[in-house]
Amino acid sequence: MQEKGLLIVLSGPSGVGKGTVRKEIFSHPDTAFEYSISMTTRAPRAGEVNGLDYFFKTREEFEQLIEQGKLLEYAEFVGNYYGTPVDYVRETLDAGKDVFLEIEVKGARQVRKKFPEGLFIFLMPPSLTELKNRIVTRGTETEDIIHNRMLTAREEIEMMELYDYVVENDQVELACERVKAIVTAEHCRRERVEHRYKKLLEVE
């Protein structure tokens, strides 16, 4: 029987560096995770590629997918939708491969209800001051949006209890190592592997 893969959910407040950490993890040739690309209705940022960073959809297209039940999770954040295509995730897990999701906090809460056995990691900034600096440094947000993002970030940090682990993104390389170490440990968790090894007792 094919063992199911592990659903890895990386989430955290906007501006914490989820995308940067995810890109660093997947830049290593030994990374065996399958990345589930999210869909969004926001405009692409400089350097972002459709089908690589996100699937960029119109609001109408996105709402059709919601009606069809084609999203594992979705959320509206600062006026834009974000979501995860459900079919790809289920098929990949059933094939025994780990699926890596990088999503917003509200979306992670939905996934937790549908996949309680998943691995949920909260990426935390070193401080709120540093978080604001990172958002401002992007140079893509107005003062009003920055203010709203900071208010939302406080609310999201209070939802940390929904997660299994917390990783501080003080340095990208260190954050990546922590995430990978957590995944390795989860694959060795007794509840996940004991059925496999108990079969050894059946061999005469």
N, C-alpha and C. Protein backbone atom coordinates (compact mmCIF):
# COMPACT_ATOMS: atom_id res chain seq x y z
N MET A 1 0.84 -1.19 0.00
CA MET A 1 0.00 0.00 0.00
C MET A 1 0.88 1.25 0.00
N GLN A 2 0.59 2.19 -0.89
CA GLN A 2 1.37 3.41 -1.02
C GLN A 2 1.11 4.33 0.19
N GLU A 3 2.19 4.72 0.87
CA GLU A 3 2.03 5.65 1.99
C GLU A 3 1.74 7.04 1.44
N LYS A 4 0.82 7.73 2.10
CA LYS A 4 0.49 9.08 1.67
C LYS A 4 1.62 10.04 2.02
N GLY A 5 1.72 11.09 1.21
CA GLY A 5 2.71 12.11 1.49
C GLY A 5 2.27 12.99 2.64
N LEU A 6 3.16 13.87 3.04
CA LEU A 6 2.92 14.79 4.15
C LEU A 6 2.56 16.17 3.59
N LEU A 7 1.47 16.73 4.08
CA LEU A 7 1.08 18.08 3.68
C LEU A 7 1.77 19.07 4.60
N ILE A 8 2.65 19.89 4.03
CA ILE A 8 3.44 20.86 4.78
C ILE A 8 2.87 22.25 4.51
N VAL A 9 2.40 22.93 5.54
CA VAL A 9 1.81 24.25 5.38
C VAL A 9 2.70 25.29 6.05
N LEU A 10 3.25 26.19 5.25
CA LEU A 10 4.05 27.30 5.77
C LEU A 10 3.22 28.57 5.67
N SER A 11 3.02 29.22 6.80
CA SER A 11 2.18 30.40 6.82
C SER A 11 2.75 31.41 7.81
N GLY A 12 2.12 32.58 7.84
CA GLY A 12 2.58 33.64 8.73
C GLY A 12 2.08 34.97 8.22
N PRO A 13 2.33 36.05 8.96
CA PRO A 13 1.82 37.36 8.57
C PRO A 13 2.40 37.86 7.26
N SER A 14 1.64 38.69 6.55
CA SER A 14 2.12 39.27 5.30
C SER A 14 3.39 40.07 5.54
N GLY A 15 4.39 39.84 4.68
CA GLY A 15 5.65 40.55 4.80
C GLY A 15 6.71 39.82 5.59
N VAL A 16 6.36 38.68 6.18
CA VAL A 16 7.31 37.96 7.02
C VAL A 16 8.39 37.26 6.20
N GLY A 17 8.12 37.06 4.90
CA GLY A 17 9.12 36.42 4.04
C GLY A 17 8.80 34.99 3.67
N LYS A 18 7.52 34.64 3.65
CA LYS A 18 7.13 33.27 3.30
C LYS A 18 7.64 32.89 1.92
N GLY A 19 7.45 33.77 0.94
CA GLY A 19 7.88 33.47 -0.42
C GLY A 19 9.39 33.35 -0.53
N THR A 20 10.11 34.19 0.19
CA THR A 20 11.57 34.14 0.17
C THR A 20 12.09 32.83 0.76
N VAL A 21 11.51 32.42 1.88
CA VAL A 21 11.92 31.17 2.52
C VAL A 21 11.58 29.98 1.61
N ARG A 22 10.38 30.01 1.03
CA ARG A 22 9.98 28.92 0.14
C ARG A 22 10.93 28.81 -1.06
N LYS A 23 11.28 29.94 -1.66
CA LYS A 23 12.19 29.92 -2.82
C LYS A 23 13.56 29.38 -2.42
N GLU A 24 14.04 29.74 -1.23
CA GLU A 24 15.34 29.25 -0.77
C GLU A 24 15.30 27.74 -0.56
N ILE A 25 14.22 27.24 0.03
CA ILE A 25 14.09 25.80 0.24
C ILE A 25 14.11 25.05 -1.08
N PHE A 26 13.39 25.57 -2.07
CA PHE A 26 13.28 24.87 -3.35
C PHE A 26 14.47 25.12 -4.27
N SER A 27 15.38 26.01 -3.86
CA SER A 27 16.59 26.24 -4.67
C SER A 27 17.62 25.13 -4.47
N HIS A 28 17.43 24.31 -3.44
CA HIS A 28 18.37 23.23 -3.16
C HIS A 28 17.95 21.97 -3.93
N PRO A 29 18.89 21.34 -4.63
CA PRO A 29 18.55 20.17 -5.45
C PRO A 29 18.07 18.97 -4.65
N ASP A 30 18.36 18.92 -3.34
CA ASP A 30 17.94 17.77 -2.54
C ASP A 30 16.52 17.93 -1.98
N THR A 31 15.87 19.05 -2.29
CA THR A 31 14.50 19.26 -1.80
C THR A 31 13.55 18.33 -2.55
N ALA A 32 12.81 17.50 -1.79
CA ALA A 32 11.95 16.50 -2.41
C ALA A 32 10.47 16.88 -2.35
N PHE A 33 10.16 18.08 -1.87
CA PHE A 33 8.76 18.49 -1.76
C PHE A 33 8.20 18.87 -3.13
N GLU A 34 6.91 18.68 -3.29
CA GLU A 34 6.21 19.19 -4.46
C GLU A 34 5.55 20.50 -4.06
N TYR A 35 5.83 21.57 -4.78
CA TYR A 35 5.27 22.87 -4.42
C TYR A 35 3.92 23.06 -5.07
N SER A 36 2.90 23.32 -4.25
CA SER A 36 1.56 23.59 -4.76
C SER A 36 1.44 25.10 -4.99
N ILE A 37 1.39 25.49 -6.25
CA ILE A 37 1.33 26.91 -6.59
C ILE A 37 -0.06 27.45 -6.28
N SER A 38 -0.09 28.56 -5.56
CA SER A 38 -1.37 29.18 -5.20
C SER A 38 -1.92 30.00 -6.36
N MET A 39 -3.23 30.24 -6.28
CA MET A 39 -3.89 31.15 -7.23
C MET A 39 -4.15 32.47 -6.52
N THR A 40 -4.14 33.56 -7.28
CA THR A 40 -4.44 34.86 -6.71
C THR A 40 -5.03 35.79 -7.77
N THR A 41 -5.78 36.77 -7.30
CA THR A 41 -6.32 37.79 -8.21
C THR A 41 -5.50 39.07 -8.15
N ARG A 42 -4.45 39.10 -7.32
CA ARG A 42 -3.63 40.32 -7.28
C ARG A 42 -2.73 40.38 -8.51
N ALA A 43 -2.28 41.58 -8.82
CA ALA A 43 -1.40 41.77 -9.97
C ALA A 43 -0.02 41.20 -9.67
N PRO A 44 0.66 40.67 -10.68
CA PRO A 44 2.02 40.16 -10.46
C PRO A 44 2.98 41.27 -10.03
N ARG A 45 3.86 40.94 -9.09
CA ARG A 45 4.93 41.87 -8.72
C ARG A 45 6.07 41.70 -9.71
N ALA A 46 7.00 42.63 -9.68
CA ALA A 46 8.15 42.59 -10.59
C ALA A 46 8.89 41.26 -10.43
N GLY A 47 9.10 40.57 -11.54
CA GLY A 47 9.84 39.32 -11.53
C GLY A 47 9.00 38.07 -11.31
N GLU A 48 7.74 38.24 -10.94
CA GLU A 48 6.88 37.07 -10.72
C GLU A 48 6.37 36.52 -12.05
N VAL A 49 6.30 35.19 -12.12
CA VAL A 49 5.92 34.52 -13.37
C VAL A 49 4.65 33.71 -13.15
N ASN A 50 3.69 33.86 -14.05
CA ASN A 50 2.45 33.10 -13.98
C ASN A 50 2.74 31.60 -14.14
N GLY A 51 2.20 30.80 -13.22
CA GLY A 51 2.43 29.36 -13.28
C GLY A 51 3.68 28.92 -12.56
N LEU A 52 4.47 29.88 -12.08
CA LEU A 52 5.68 29.55 -11.34
C LEU A 52 5.58 30.09 -9.91
N ASP A 53 5.27 31.38 -9.78
CA ASP A 53 5.10 31.98 -8.46
C ASP A 53 3.64 31.87 -8.00
N TYR A 54 2.74 32.16 -8.90
CA TYR A 54 1.30 32.05 -8.66
C TYR A 54 0.61 31.74 -9.99
N PHE A 55 -0.63 31.27 -9.89
CA PHE A 55 -1.52 31.28 -11.04
C PHE A 55 -2.33 32.56 -10.90
N PHE A 56 -2.13 33.50 -11.79
CA PHE A 56 -2.82 34.78 -11.71
C PHE A 56 -4.16 34.67 -12.44
N LYS A 57 -5.25 34.93 -11.71
CA LYS A 57 -6.60 34.79 -12.23
C LYS A 57 -7.36 36.11 -12.08
N THR A 58 -8.39 36.28 -12.92
CA THR A 58 -9.28 37.41 -12.73
C THR A 58 -10.21 37.08 -11.56
N ARG A 59 -10.85 38.11 -11.03
CA ARG A 59 -11.79 37.89 -9.92
C ARG A 59 -12.94 36.97 -10.35
N GLU A 60 -13.41 37.15 -11.57
CA GLU A 60 -14.50 36.32 -12.08
C GLU A 60 -14.08 34.86 -12.19
N GLU A 61 -12.88 34.61 -12.72
CA GLU A 61 -12.37 33.24 -12.84
C GLU A 61 -12.24 32.58 -11.47
N PHE A 62 -11.73 33.34 -10.51
CA PHE A 62 -11.52 32.81 -9.17
C PHE A 62 -12.85 32.43 -8.52
N GLU A 63 -13.84 33.31 -8.66
CA GLU A 63 -15.14 33.05 -8.03
C GLU A 63 -15.84 31.86 -8.67
N GLN A 64 -15.57 31.59 -9.94
CA GLN A 64 -16.12 30.39 -10.58
C GLN A 64 -15.52 29.13 -9.96
N LEU A 65 -14.22 29.17 -9.66
CA LEU A 65 -13.55 28.03 -9.03
C LEU A 65 -14.10 27.78 -7.62
N ILE A 66 -14.40 28.87 -6.90
CA ILE A 66 -15.00 28.73 -5.56
C ILE A 66 -16.34 28.00 -5.67
N GLU A 67 -17.16 28.43 -6.63
CA GLU A 67 -18.49 27.82 -6.81
C GLU A 67 -18.39 26.35 -7.20
N GLN A 68 -17.34 26.00 -7.94
CA GLN A 68 -17.16 24.62 -8.40
C GLN A 68 -16.50 23.73 -7.34
N GLY A 69 -16.13 24.32 -6.20
CA GLY A 69 -15.48 23.55 -5.14
C GLY A 69 -14.09 23.07 -5.51
N LYS A 70 -13.40 23.83 -6.35
CA LYS A 70 -12.09 23.43 -6.86
C LYS A 70 -10.92 23.96 -6.02
N LEU A 71 -11.21 24.57 -4.87
CA LEU A 71 -10.15 25.13 -4.04
C LEU A 71 -10.11 24.45 -2.68
N LEU A 72 -8.92 24.04 -2.26
CA LEU A 72 -8.73 23.46 -0.94
C LEU A 72 -8.99 24.52 0.13
N GLU A 73 -8.56 25.71 -0.14
CA GLU A 73 -8.78 26.86 0.74
C GLU A 73 -8.72 28.11 -0.09
N TYR A 74 -9.34 29.16 0.43
CA TYR A 74 -9.19 30.46 -0.21
C TYR A 74 -9.48 31.53 0.81
N ALA A 75 -8.96 32.70 0.57
CA ALA A 75 -9.19 33.83 1.47
C ALA A 75 -9.10 35.11 0.66
N GLU A 76 -9.78 36.13 1.13
CA GLU A 76 -9.65 37.46 0.53
C GLU A 76 -8.79 38.29 1.46
N PHE A 77 -7.71 38.82 0.92
CA PHE A 77 -6.74 39.55 1.75
C PHE A 77 -6.39 40.86 1.06
N VAL A 78 -6.62 41.96 1.75
CA VAL A 78 -6.35 43.31 1.23
C VAL A 78 -6.93 43.46 -0.18
N GLY A 79 -8.18 43.00 -0.35
CA GLY A 79 -8.89 43.21 -1.61
C GLY A 79 -8.62 42.20 -2.70
N ASN A 80 -7.78 41.17 -2.42
CA ASN A 80 -7.48 40.16 -3.43
C ASN A 80 -7.73 38.75 -2.88
N TYR A 81 -8.13 37.85 -3.78
CA TYR A 81 -8.31 36.45 -3.41
C TYR A 81 -6.98 35.71 -3.51
N TYR A 82 -6.81 34.73 -2.60
CA TYR A 82 -5.70 33.78 -2.66
C TYR A 82 -6.29 32.40 -2.41
N GLY A 83 -5.81 31.37 -3.10
CA GLY A 83 -6.36 30.03 -2.88
C GLY A 83 -5.47 28.93 -3.40
N THR A 84 -5.81 27.69 -3.01
CA THR A 84 -5.02 26.51 -3.38
C THR A 84 -5.88 25.52 -4.17
N PRO A 85 -5.47 25.14 -5.38
CA PRO A 85 -6.21 24.13 -6.17
C PRO A 85 -6.23 22.78 -5.44
N VAL A 86 -7.41 22.20 -5.26
CA VAL A 86 -7.53 21.02 -4.41
C VAL A 86 -7.10 19.73 -5.11
N ASP A 87 -7.39 19.57 -6.40
CA ASP A 87 -7.12 18.31 -7.08
C ASP A 87 -5.64 17.95 -7.07
N TYR A 88 -4.80 18.94 -7.36
CA TYR A 88 -3.36 18.69 -7.40
C TYR A 88 -2.86 18.19 -6.04
N VAL A 89 -3.32 18.82 -4.98
CA VAL A 89 -2.85 18.46 -3.63
C VAL A 89 -3.22 17.02 -3.29
N ARG A 90 -4.46 16.65 -3.50
CA ARG A 90 -4.90 15.30 -3.15
C ARG A 90 -4.19 14.23 -3.99
N GLU A 91 -4.06 14.49 -5.27
CA GLU A 91 -3.41 13.51 -6.15
C GLU A 91 -1.94 13.31 -5.78
N THR A 92 -1.26 14.40 -5.44
CA THR A 92 0.16 14.31 -5.10
C THR A 92 0.38 13.59 -3.78
N LEU A 93 -0.45 13.89 -2.78
CA LEU A 93 -0.34 13.20 -1.49
C LEU A 93 -0.62 11.71 -1.65
N ASP A 94 -1.63 11.37 -2.45
CA ASP A 94 -1.98 9.97 -2.66
C ASP A 94 -0.86 9.21 -3.37
N ALA A 95 -0.05 9.95 -4.13
CA ALA A 95 1.08 9.34 -4.84
C ALA A 95 2.30 9.17 -3.92
N GLY A 96 2.14 9.57 -2.65
CA GLY A 96 3.23 9.38 -1.69
C GLY A 96 4.24 10.51 -1.64
N LYS A 97 3.91 11.64 -2.26
CA LYS A 97 4.84 12.77 -2.28
C LYS A 97 4.40 13.86 -1.31
N ASP A 98 5.37 14.52 -0.69
CA ASP A 98 5.07 15.63 0.21
C ASP A 98 4.66 16.85 -0.60
N VAL A 99 3.63 17.55 -0.14
CA VAL A 99 3.17 18.76 -0.80
C VAL A 99 3.44 19.96 0.11
N PHE A 100 4.04 20.99 -0.45
CA PHE A 100 4.43 22.18 0.31
C PHE A 100 3.51 23.33 -0.08
N LEU A 101 2.76 23.85 0.90
CA LEU A 101 1.89 25.00 0.67
C LEU A 101 2.47 26.22 1.37
N GLU A 102 2.50 27.32 0.67
CA GLU A 102 2.87 28.62 1.26
C GLU A 102 1.64 29.50 1.12
N ILE A 103 0.92 29.71 2.23
CA ILE A 103 -0.38 30.36 2.14
C ILE A 103 -0.59 31.36 3.28
N GLU A 104 -1.66 32.14 3.14
CA GLU A 104 -2.02 33.12 4.16
C GLU A 104 -2.63 32.41 5.37
N VAL A 105 -2.65 33.11 6.50
CA VAL A 105 -3.11 32.51 7.76
C VAL A 105 -4.56 32.05 7.70
N LYS A 106 -5.45 32.87 7.12
CA LYS A 106 -6.86 32.47 7.04
C LYS A 106 -7.03 31.21 6.21
N GLY A 107 -6.24 31.09 5.16
CA GLY A 107 -6.29 29.88 4.34
C GLY A 107 -5.79 28.67 5.11
N ALA A 108 -4.74 28.86 5.90
CA ALA A 108 -4.18 27.76 6.68
C ALA A 108 -5.21 27.22 7.67
N ARG A 109 -6.04 28.11 8.21
CA ARG A 109 -7.08 27.67 9.15
C ARG A 109 -8.08 26.75 8.45
N GLN A 110 -8.43 27.06 7.20
CA GLN A 110 -9.34 26.20 6.44
C GLN A 110 -8.71 24.84 6.17
N VAL A 111 -7.41 24.84 5.82
CA VAL A 111 -6.72 23.59 5.52
C VAL A 111 -6.64 22.72 6.78
N ARG A 112 -6.46 23.36 7.92
CA ARG A 112 -6.35 22.62 9.19
C ARG A 112 -7.62 21.80 9.45
N LYS A 113 -8.78 22.37 9.08
CA LYS A 113 -10.04 21.66 9.28
C LYS A 113 -10.17 20.47 8.36
N LYS A 114 -9.65 20.59 7.12
CA LYS A 114 -9.78 19.53 6.13
C LYS A 114 -8.65 18.51 6.21
N PHE A 115 -7.46 18.96 6.65
CA PHE A 115 -6.28 18.09 6.75
C PHE A 115 -5.65 18.25 8.14
N PRO A 116 -6.33 17.80 9.20
CA PRO A 116 -5.77 17.97 10.55
C PRO A 116 -4.45 17.23 10.74
N GLU A 117 -4.19 16.24 9.87
CA GLU A 117 -2.95 15.47 9.98
C GLU A 117 -1.77 16.18 9.32
N GLY A 118 -2.01 17.34 8.71
CA GLY A 118 -0.93 18.08 8.06
C GLY A 118 0.06 18.65 9.06
N LEU A 119 1.15 19.17 8.53
CA LEU A 119 2.20 19.79 9.34
C LEU A 119 2.11 21.30 9.15
N PHE A 120 1.80 22.02 10.22
CA PHE A 120 1.55 23.45 10.12
C PHE A 120 2.66 24.24 10.81
N ILE A 121 3.36 25.06 10.02
CA ILE A 121 4.50 25.83 10.51
C ILE A 121 4.21 27.32 10.36
N PHE A 122 4.35 28.05 11.46
CA PHE A 122 4.11 29.49 11.47
C PHE A 122 5.44 30.22 11.39
N LEU A 123 5.60 31.05 10.35
CA LEU A 123 6.83 31.81 10.17
C LEU A 123 6.66 33.16 10.87
N MET A 124 7.55 33.43 11.80
CA MET A 124 7.43 34.60 12.68
C MET A 124 8.54 35.61 12.41
N PRO A 125 8.22 36.91 12.34
CA PRO A 125 9.28 37.92 12.18
C PRO A 125 10.02 38.11 13.50
N PRO A 126 11.26 38.60 13.46
CA PRO A 126 11.99 38.87 14.71
C PRO A 126 11.27 39.89 15.59
N SER A 127 10.57 40.84 14.96
CA SER A 127 9.82 41.86 15.69
C SER A 127 8.81 42.50 14.75
N LEU A 128 7.83 43.21 15.31
CA LEU A 128 6.86 43.91 14.47
C LEU A 128 7.52 45.07 13.73
N THR A 129 8.53 45.67 14.35
CA THR A 129 9.26 46.75 13.68
C THR A 129 9.96 46.24 12.43
N GLU A 130 10.59 45.07 12.56
CA GLU A 130 11.26 44.46 11.41
C GLU A 130 10.25 44.07 10.34
N LEU A 131 9.09 43.58 10.76
CA LEU A 131 8.05 43.22 9.80
C LEU A 131 7.62 44.44 8.99
N LYS A 132 7.39 45.56 9.67
CA LYS A 132 6.98 46.78 8.97
C LYS A 132 8.08 47.23 8.01
N ASN A 133 9.34 47.15 8.43
CA ASN A 133 10.46 47.53 7.56
C ASN A 133 10.47 46.71 6.28
N ARG A 134 10.17 45.42 6.40
CA ARG A 134 10.19 44.55 5.23
C ARG A 134 9.06 44.92 4.26
N ILE A 135 7.89 45.27 4.81
CA ILE A 135 6.77 45.66 3.96
C ILE A 135 7.07 46.98 3.26
N VAL A 136 7.62 47.92 4.01
CA VAL A 136 7.95 49.24 3.44
C VAL A 136 9.02 49.11 2.37
N THR A 137 10.01 48.25 2.60
CA THR A 137 11.13 48.07 1.66
C THR A 137 10.67 47.55 0.31
N ARG A 138 9.54 46.82 0.29
CA ARG A 138 9.02 46.34 -0.99
C ARG A 138 8.77 47.49 -1.96
N GLY A 139 8.33 48.63 -1.40
CA GLY A 139 8.05 49.80 -2.24
C GLY A 139 6.83 49.66 -3.12
N THR A 140 5.97 48.69 -2.80
CA THR A 140 4.79 48.45 -3.65
C THR A 140 3.49 48.83 -2.95
N GLU A 141 3.56 49.25 -1.69
CA GLU A 141 2.36 49.48 -0.91
C GLU A 141 2.21 50.95 -0.51
N THR A 142 0.97 51.43 -0.45
CA THR A 142 0.69 52.78 0.03
C THR A 142 0.70 52.77 1.56
N GLU A 143 0.70 53.96 2.15
CA GLU A 143 0.70 54.07 3.61
C GLU A 143 -0.53 53.39 4.22
N ASP A 144 -1.69 53.57 3.57
CA ASP A 144 -2.92 52.95 4.08
C ASP A 144 -2.82 51.43 4.07
N ILE A 145 -2.28 50.88 2.98
CA ILE A 145 -2.14 49.43 2.88
C ILE A 145 -1.15 48.91 3.91
N ILE A 146 -0.05 49.62 4.10
CA ILE A 146 0.93 49.23 5.11
C ILE A 146 0.30 49.19 6.49
N HIS A 147 -0.49 50.24 6.80
CA HIS A 147 -1.17 50.30 8.09
C HIS A 147 -2.12 49.11 8.25
N ASN A 148 -2.89 48.80 7.21
CA ASN A 148 -3.82 47.68 7.27
C ASN A 148 -3.10 46.35 7.41
N ARG A 149 -1.97 46.22 6.72
CA ARG A 149 -1.20 44.97 6.81
C ARG A 149 -0.66 44.76 8.23
N MET A 150 -0.25 45.83 8.88
CA MET A 150 0.27 45.71 10.24
C MET A 150 -0.84 45.34 11.23
N LEU A 151 -2.03 45.91 11.03
CA LEU A 151 -3.16 45.55 11.88
C LEU A 151 -3.50 44.07 11.70
N THR A 152 -3.51 43.64 10.43
CA THR A 152 -3.80 42.24 10.12
C THR A 152 -2.73 41.32 10.69
N ALA A 153 -1.47 41.75 10.62
CA ALA A 153 -0.36 40.93 11.13
C ALA A 153 -0.53 40.64 12.62
N ARG A 154 -0.95 41.64 13.38
CA ARG A 154 -1.17 41.44 14.81
C ARG A 154 -2.25 40.38 15.04
N GLU A 155 -3.32 40.45 14.26
CA GLU A 155 -4.40 39.46 14.39
C GLU A 155 -3.91 38.06 14.03
N GLU A 156 -3.07 37.99 12.98
CA GLU A 156 -2.57 36.69 12.52
C GLU A 156 -1.63 36.07 13.54
N ILE A 157 -0.79 36.89 14.16
CA ILE A 157 0.15 36.36 15.16
C ILE A 157 -0.62 35.78 16.34
N GLU A 158 -1.77 36.35 16.66
CA GLU A 158 -2.59 35.83 17.75
C GLU A 158 -3.19 34.46 17.40
N MET A 159 -3.18 34.10 16.12
CA MET A 159 -3.71 32.80 15.68
C MET A 159 -2.62 31.72 15.65
N MET A 160 -1.48 32.02 16.22
CA MET A 160 -0.35 31.09 16.22
C MET A 160 -0.69 29.73 16.82
N GLU A 161 -1.66 29.71 17.74
CA GLU A 161 -2.01 28.47 18.43
C GLU A 161 -2.57 27.40 17.49
N LEU A 162 -2.93 27.79 16.27
CA LEU A 162 -3.44 26.83 15.29
C LEU A 162 -2.33 25.98 14.67
N TYR A 163 -1.08 26.34 14.94
CA TYR A 163 0.07 25.72 14.28
C TYR A 163 0.80 24.74 15.21
N ASP A 164 1.59 23.86 14.58
CA ASP A 164 2.36 22.88 15.33
C ASP A 164 3.73 23.40 15.73
N TYR A 165 4.32 24.23 14.87
CA TYR A 165 5.67 24.75 15.10
C TYR A 165 5.74 26.23 14.74
N VAL A 166 6.67 26.92 15.38
CA VAL A 166 6.94 28.32 15.06
C VAL A 166 8.41 28.46 14.69
N VAL A 167 8.67 29.08 13.54
CA VAL A 167 10.04 29.30 13.06
C VAL A 167 10.26 30.80 12.89
N GLU A 168 11.28 31.33 13.54
CA GLU A 168 11.59 32.75 13.38
C GLU A 168 12.40 32.96 12.11
N ASN A 169 11.97 33.90 11.29
CA ASN A 169 12.70 34.21 10.06
C ASN A 169 13.65 35.38 10.32
N ASP A 170 14.68 35.10 11.12
CA ASP A 170 15.70 36.11 11.38
C ASP A 170 16.72 36.16 10.23
N GLN A 171 17.10 34.96 9.77
CA GLN A 171 17.95 34.83 8.58
C GLN A 171 17.32 33.75 7.70
N VAL A 172 17.21 34.03 6.43
CA VAL A 172 16.50 33.12 5.53
C VAL A 172 17.09 31.71 5.55
N GLU A 173 18.42 31.61 5.48
CA GLU A 173 19.06 30.30 5.43
C GLU A 173 18.78 29.49 6.70
N LEU A 174 18.81 30.16 7.85
CA LEU A 174 18.54 29.47 9.12
C LEU A 174 17.08 29.05 9.20
N ALA A 175 16.18 29.92 8.75
CA ALA A 175 14.76 29.58 8.76
C ALA A 175 14.50 28.34 7.90
N CYS A 176 15.14 28.26 6.75
CA CYS A 176 14.98 27.11 5.86
C CYS A 176 15.47 25.83 6.52
N GLU A 177 16.61 25.89 7.19
CA GLU A 177 17.14 24.71 7.87
C GLU A 177 16.19 24.24 8.96
N ARG A 178 15.59 25.19 9.67
CA ARG A 178 14.64 24.82 10.73
C ARG A 178 13.41 24.13 10.14
N VAL A 179 12.90 24.68 9.05
CA VAL A 179 11.72 24.08 8.41
C VAL A 179 12.03 22.66 7.96
N LYS A 180 13.17 22.46 7.31
CA LYS A 180 13.52 21.12 6.81
C LYS A 180 13.75 20.14 7.95
N ALA A 181 14.31 20.62 9.06
CA ALA A 181 14.53 19.75 10.23
C ALA A 181 13.19 19.30 10.82
N ILE A 182 12.22 20.22 10.84
CA ILE A 182 10.89 19.89 11.35
C ILE A 182 10.23 18.81 10.48
N VAL A 183 10.36 18.96 9.16
CA VAL A 183 9.76 17.98 8.25
C VAL A 183 10.39 16.60 8.45
N THR A 184 11.71 16.58 8.58
CA THR A 184 12.41 15.31 8.82
C THR A 184 11.91 14.65 10.10
N ALA A 185 11.77 15.44 11.15
CA ALA A 185 11.29 14.90 12.43
C ALA A 185 9.87 14.37 12.30
N GLU A 186 9.02 15.06 11.55
CA GLU A 186 7.63 14.63 11.39
C GLU A 186 7.55 13.29 10.68
N HIS A 187 8.45 13.07 9.73
CA HIS A 187 8.45 11.78 9.02
C HIS A 187 8.86 10.64 9.93
N CYS A 188 9.49 10.95 11.06
CA CYS A 188 9.90 9.92 12.02
C CYS A 188 8.93 9.81 13.19
N ARG A 189 7.86 10.61 13.19
CA ARG A 189 6.91 10.57 14.30
C ARG A 189 6.29 9.18 14.40
N ARG A 190 6.22 8.67 15.62
CA ARG A 190 5.74 7.29 15.83
C ARG A 190 4.38 7.05 15.19
N GLU A 191 3.45 7.99 15.38
CA GLU A 191 2.11 7.78 14.85
C GLU A 191 2.09 7.59 13.34
N ARG A 192 3.08 8.14 12.65
CA ARG A 192 3.12 8.06 11.20
C ARG A 192 3.76 6.76 10.70
N VAL A 193 4.66 6.19 11.50
CA VAL A 193 5.46 5.07 10.98
C VAL A 193 5.25 3.74 11.69
N GLU A 194 4.59 3.74 12.84
CA GLU A 194 4.55 2.49 13.62
C GLU A 194 3.87 1.35 12.88
N HIS A 195 2.85 1.65 12.06
CA HIS A 195 2.16 0.58 11.34
C HIS A 195 3.11 -0.14 10.39
N ARG A 196 4.07 0.63 9.82
CA ARG A 196 5.02 0.03 8.88
C ARG A 196 5.96 -0.94 9.59
N TYR A 197 6.43 -0.54 10.77
CA TYR A 197 7.42 -1.37 11.48
C TYR A 197 6.77 -2.52 12.24
N LYS A 198 5.50 -2.36 12.60
CA LYS A 198 4.83 -3.48 13.27
C LYS A 198 4.62 -4.65 12.33
N LYS A 199 4.65 -4.36 11.02
CA LYS A 199 4.54 -5.44 10.04
C LYS A 199 5.75 -6.37 10.10
N LEU A 200 6.88 -5.84 10.60
CA LEU A 200 8.08 -6.68 10.74
C LEU A 200 7.84 -7.81 11.73
N LEU A 201 6.96 -7.56 12.71
CA LEU A 201 6.68 -8.57 13.71
C LEU A 201 5.89 -9.75 13.14
N GLU A 202 5.26 -9.50 11.99
CA GLU A 202 4.46 -10.55 11.38
C GLU A 202 5.31 -11.51 10.55
N VAL A 203 6.57 -11.13 10.31
CA VAL A 203 7.46 -11.99 9.51
C VAL A 203 8.05 -13.08 10.39
N GLU A 204 7.87 -14.32 9.99
CA GLU A 204 8.41 -15.44 10.78
C GLU A 204 9.81 -15.78 10.34
